[in-house]
Amino acid sequence: MFGLFKKKSEKDKLYETYQSLLQEAHKLSTSNRKLSDQKTYEAEEIMKKIEQLSTKME
C-alpha cells in the first residue's frame, strides 16, 4: 500500500516495453515473419539498454 504512488524507474519502464514487444513479436510470428523479426530486434535493443543501466548502477 505504501508503494501505491511510487514512480517506476527507467529500468522498470524499459522492461515493460521489452515484454510488450516480445508479446507482439510472438503474435506476429504466425502472420508476418518479417515484422515479427523486427519486433524481436527492437526488444533485443531495449534489453541491451537495460543491461547498460544495470552495470551503471553497480
N, C-alpha and C. Protein backbone atom coordinates (compact mmCIF):
# COMPACT_ATOMS: atom_id res chain seq x y z
N MET A 1 0.81 -1.18 0.00
CA MET A 1 0.00 0.00 0.00
C MET A 1 0.87 1.26 0.00
N PHE A 2 2.03 1.19 0.63
CA PHE A 2 2.90 2.36 0.66
C PHE A 2 3.56 2.61 -0.69
N GLY A 3 3.64 1.59 -1.53
CA GLY A 3 4.23 1.74 -2.85
C GLY A 3 3.22 2.16 -3.90
N LEU A 4 2.04 2.56 -3.46
CA LEU A 4 0.97 2.90 -4.37
C LEU A 4 1.34 4.04 -5.30
N PHE A 5 2.00 5.05 -4.79
CA PHE A 5 2.33 6.21 -5.60
C PHE A 5 3.81 6.25 -5.98
N LYS A 6 4.47 5.14 -5.83
CA LYS A 6 5.89 5.06 -6.17
C LYS A 6 6.05 5.12 -7.69
N LYS A 7 6.93 5.96 -8.15
CA LYS A 7 7.19 6.07 -9.58
C LYS A 7 8.06 4.92 -10.03
N LYS A 8 7.85 4.49 -11.26
CA LYS A 8 8.63 3.40 -11.80
C LYS A 8 9.98 3.93 -12.26
N SER A 9 10.99 3.12 -12.08
CA SER A 9 12.32 3.50 -12.53
C SER A 9 12.39 3.34 -14.05
N GLU A 10 13.42 3.91 -14.63
CA GLU A 10 13.61 3.80 -16.08
C GLU A 10 13.79 2.34 -16.47
N LYS A 11 14.48 1.60 -15.61
CA LYS A 11 14.71 0.17 -15.87
C LYS A 11 13.38 -0.59 -15.93
N ASP A 12 12.46 -0.29 -15.00
CA ASP A 12 11.16 -0.95 -14.99
C ASP A 12 10.35 -0.61 -16.23
N LYS A 13 10.41 0.64 -16.65
CA LYS A 13 9.68 1.06 -17.85
C LYS A 13 10.23 0.36 -19.09
N LEU A 14 11.56 0.28 -19.17
CA LEU A 14 12.17 -0.40 -20.31
C LEU A 14 11.82 -1.88 -20.32
N TYR A 15 11.78 -2.49 -19.15
CA TYR A 15 11.44 -3.92 -19.08
C TYR A 15 10.00 -4.17 -19.53
N GLU A 16 9.09 -3.27 -19.17
CA GLU A 16 7.70 -3.41 -19.63
C GLU A 16 7.61 -3.28 -21.14
N THR A 17 8.37 -2.34 -21.71
CA THR A 17 8.40 -2.18 -23.16
C THR A 17 8.97 -3.43 -23.81
N TYR A 18 10.01 -3.97 -23.22
CA TYR A 18 10.63 -5.20 -23.71
C TYR A 18 9.61 -6.34 -23.74
N GLN A 19 8.88 -6.50 -22.66
CA GLN A 19 7.87 -7.57 -22.58
C GLN A 19 6.78 -7.39 -23.63
N SER A 20 6.31 -6.17 -23.80
CA SER A 20 5.24 -5.93 -24.77
C SER A 20 5.71 -6.18 -26.20
N LEU A 21 6.97 -5.81 -26.49
CA LEU A 21 7.50 -6.07 -27.83
C LEU A 21 7.63 -7.57 -28.10
N LEU A 22 8.05 -8.32 -27.10
CA LEU A 22 8.15 -9.77 -27.28
C LEU A 22 6.79 -10.41 -27.48
N GLN A 23 5.79 -9.93 -26.75
CA GLN A 23 4.43 -10.45 -26.94
C GLN A 23 3.92 -10.15 -28.34
N GLU A 24 4.16 -8.93 -28.79
CA GLU A 24 3.72 -8.54 -30.13
C GLU A 24 4.45 -9.36 -31.19
N ALA A 25 5.73 -9.59 -31.00
CA ALA A 25 6.51 -10.40 -31.94
C ALA A 25 5.97 -11.83 -32.00
N HIS A 26 5.59 -12.35 -30.85
CA HIS A 26 5.03 -13.71 -30.80
C HIS A 26 3.71 -13.78 -31.57
N LYS A 27 2.86 -12.78 -31.39
CA LYS A 27 1.59 -12.76 -32.12
C LYS A 27 1.81 -12.64 -33.63
N LEU A 28 2.78 -11.83 -34.02
CA LEU A 28 3.05 -11.62 -35.44
C LEU A 28 3.76 -12.80 -36.09
N SER A 29 4.35 -13.67 -35.30
CA SER A 29 5.14 -14.76 -35.86
C SER A 29 4.31 -15.70 -36.73
N THR A 30 3.01 -15.74 -36.51
CA THR A 30 2.18 -16.63 -37.31
C THR A 30 1.69 -15.98 -38.60
N SER A 31 1.68 -14.65 -38.64
CA SER A 31 1.13 -13.98 -39.81
C SER A 31 2.17 -13.23 -40.64
N ASN A 32 3.14 -12.60 -39.99
CA ASN A 32 4.11 -11.78 -40.72
C ASN A 32 5.48 -11.96 -40.07
N ARG A 33 6.27 -12.83 -40.63
CA ARG A 33 7.56 -13.19 -40.03
C ARG A 33 8.53 -12.00 -40.04
N LYS A 34 8.51 -11.22 -41.10
CA LYS A 34 9.44 -10.09 -41.19
C LYS A 34 9.17 -9.07 -40.09
N LEU A 35 7.91 -8.76 -39.85
CA LEU A 35 7.54 -7.83 -38.80
C LEU A 35 7.86 -8.41 -37.43
N SER A 36 7.67 -9.70 -37.29
CA SER A 36 7.99 -10.37 -36.03
C SER A 36 9.48 -10.27 -35.73
N ASP A 37 10.31 -10.47 -36.75
CA ASP A 37 11.75 -10.36 -36.57
C ASP A 37 12.15 -8.93 -36.20
N GLN A 38 11.47 -7.96 -36.78
CA GLN A 38 11.76 -6.56 -36.47
C GLN A 38 11.43 -6.25 -35.01
N LYS A 39 10.30 -6.74 -34.53
CA LYS A 39 9.91 -6.51 -33.13
C LYS A 39 10.88 -7.20 -32.18
N THR A 40 11.33 -8.38 -32.54
CA THR A 40 12.30 -9.10 -31.73
C THR A 40 13.61 -8.33 -31.65
N TYR A 41 14.03 -7.77 -32.78
CA TYR A 41 15.25 -6.96 -32.80
C TYR A 41 15.11 -5.74 -31.90
N GLU A 42 13.96 -5.07 -31.97
CA GLU A 42 13.72 -3.90 -31.11
C GLU A 42 13.77 -4.30 -29.63
N ALA A 43 13.20 -5.46 -29.31
CA ALA A 43 13.22 -5.94 -27.94
C ALA A 43 14.65 -6.22 -27.48
N GLU A 44 15.47 -6.77 -28.36
CA GLU A 44 16.86 -7.04 -28.01
C GLU A 44 17.63 -5.75 -27.75
N GLU A 45 17.34 -4.71 -28.53
CA GLU A 45 18.00 -3.42 -28.32
C GLU A 45 17.61 -2.83 -26.97
N ILE A 46 16.36 -2.99 -26.59
CA ILE A 46 15.92 -2.50 -25.29
C ILE A 46 16.58 -3.29 -24.16
N MET A 47 16.75 -4.59 -24.36
CA MET A 47 17.42 -5.40 -23.34
C MET A 47 18.88 -4.96 -23.17
N LYS A 48 19.51 -4.54 -24.25
CA LYS A 48 20.88 -4.03 -24.15
C LYS A 48 20.91 -2.76 -23.30
N LYS A 49 19.91 -1.90 -23.47
CA LYS A 49 19.82 -0.68 -22.66
C LYS A 49 19.61 -1.02 -21.19
N ILE A 50 18.77 -2.03 -20.92
CA ILE A 50 18.53 -2.46 -19.54
C ILE A 50 19.82 -2.96 -18.92
N GLU A 51 20.59 -3.74 -19.68
CA GLU A 51 21.84 -4.27 -19.17
C GLU A 51 22.84 -3.14 -18.90
N GLN A 52 22.85 -2.12 -19.76
CA GLN A 52 23.75 -0.99 -19.56
C GLN A 52 23.36 -0.26 -18.27
N LEU A 53 22.08 -0.08 -18.03
CA LEU A 53 21.63 0.57 -16.80
C LEU A 53 22.02 -0.24 -15.58
N SER A 54 21.92 -1.55 -15.70
CA SER A 54 22.27 -2.42 -14.58
C SER A 54 23.75 -2.32 -14.24
N THR A 55 24.60 -2.23 -15.24
CA THR A 55 26.03 -2.15 -14.99
C THR A 55 26.40 -0.77 -14.43
N LYS A 56 25.69 0.27 -14.83
CA LYS A 56 25.95 1.60 -14.31
C LYS A 56 25.56 1.72 -12.82
N MET A 57 24.53 0.99 -12.43
CA MET A 57 24.04 1.07 -11.06
C MET A 57 24.97 0.34 -10.08
N GLU A 58 25.74 -0.60 -10.58
CA GLU A 58 26.62 -1.38 -9.69
C GLU A 58 27.85 -0.66 -9.34
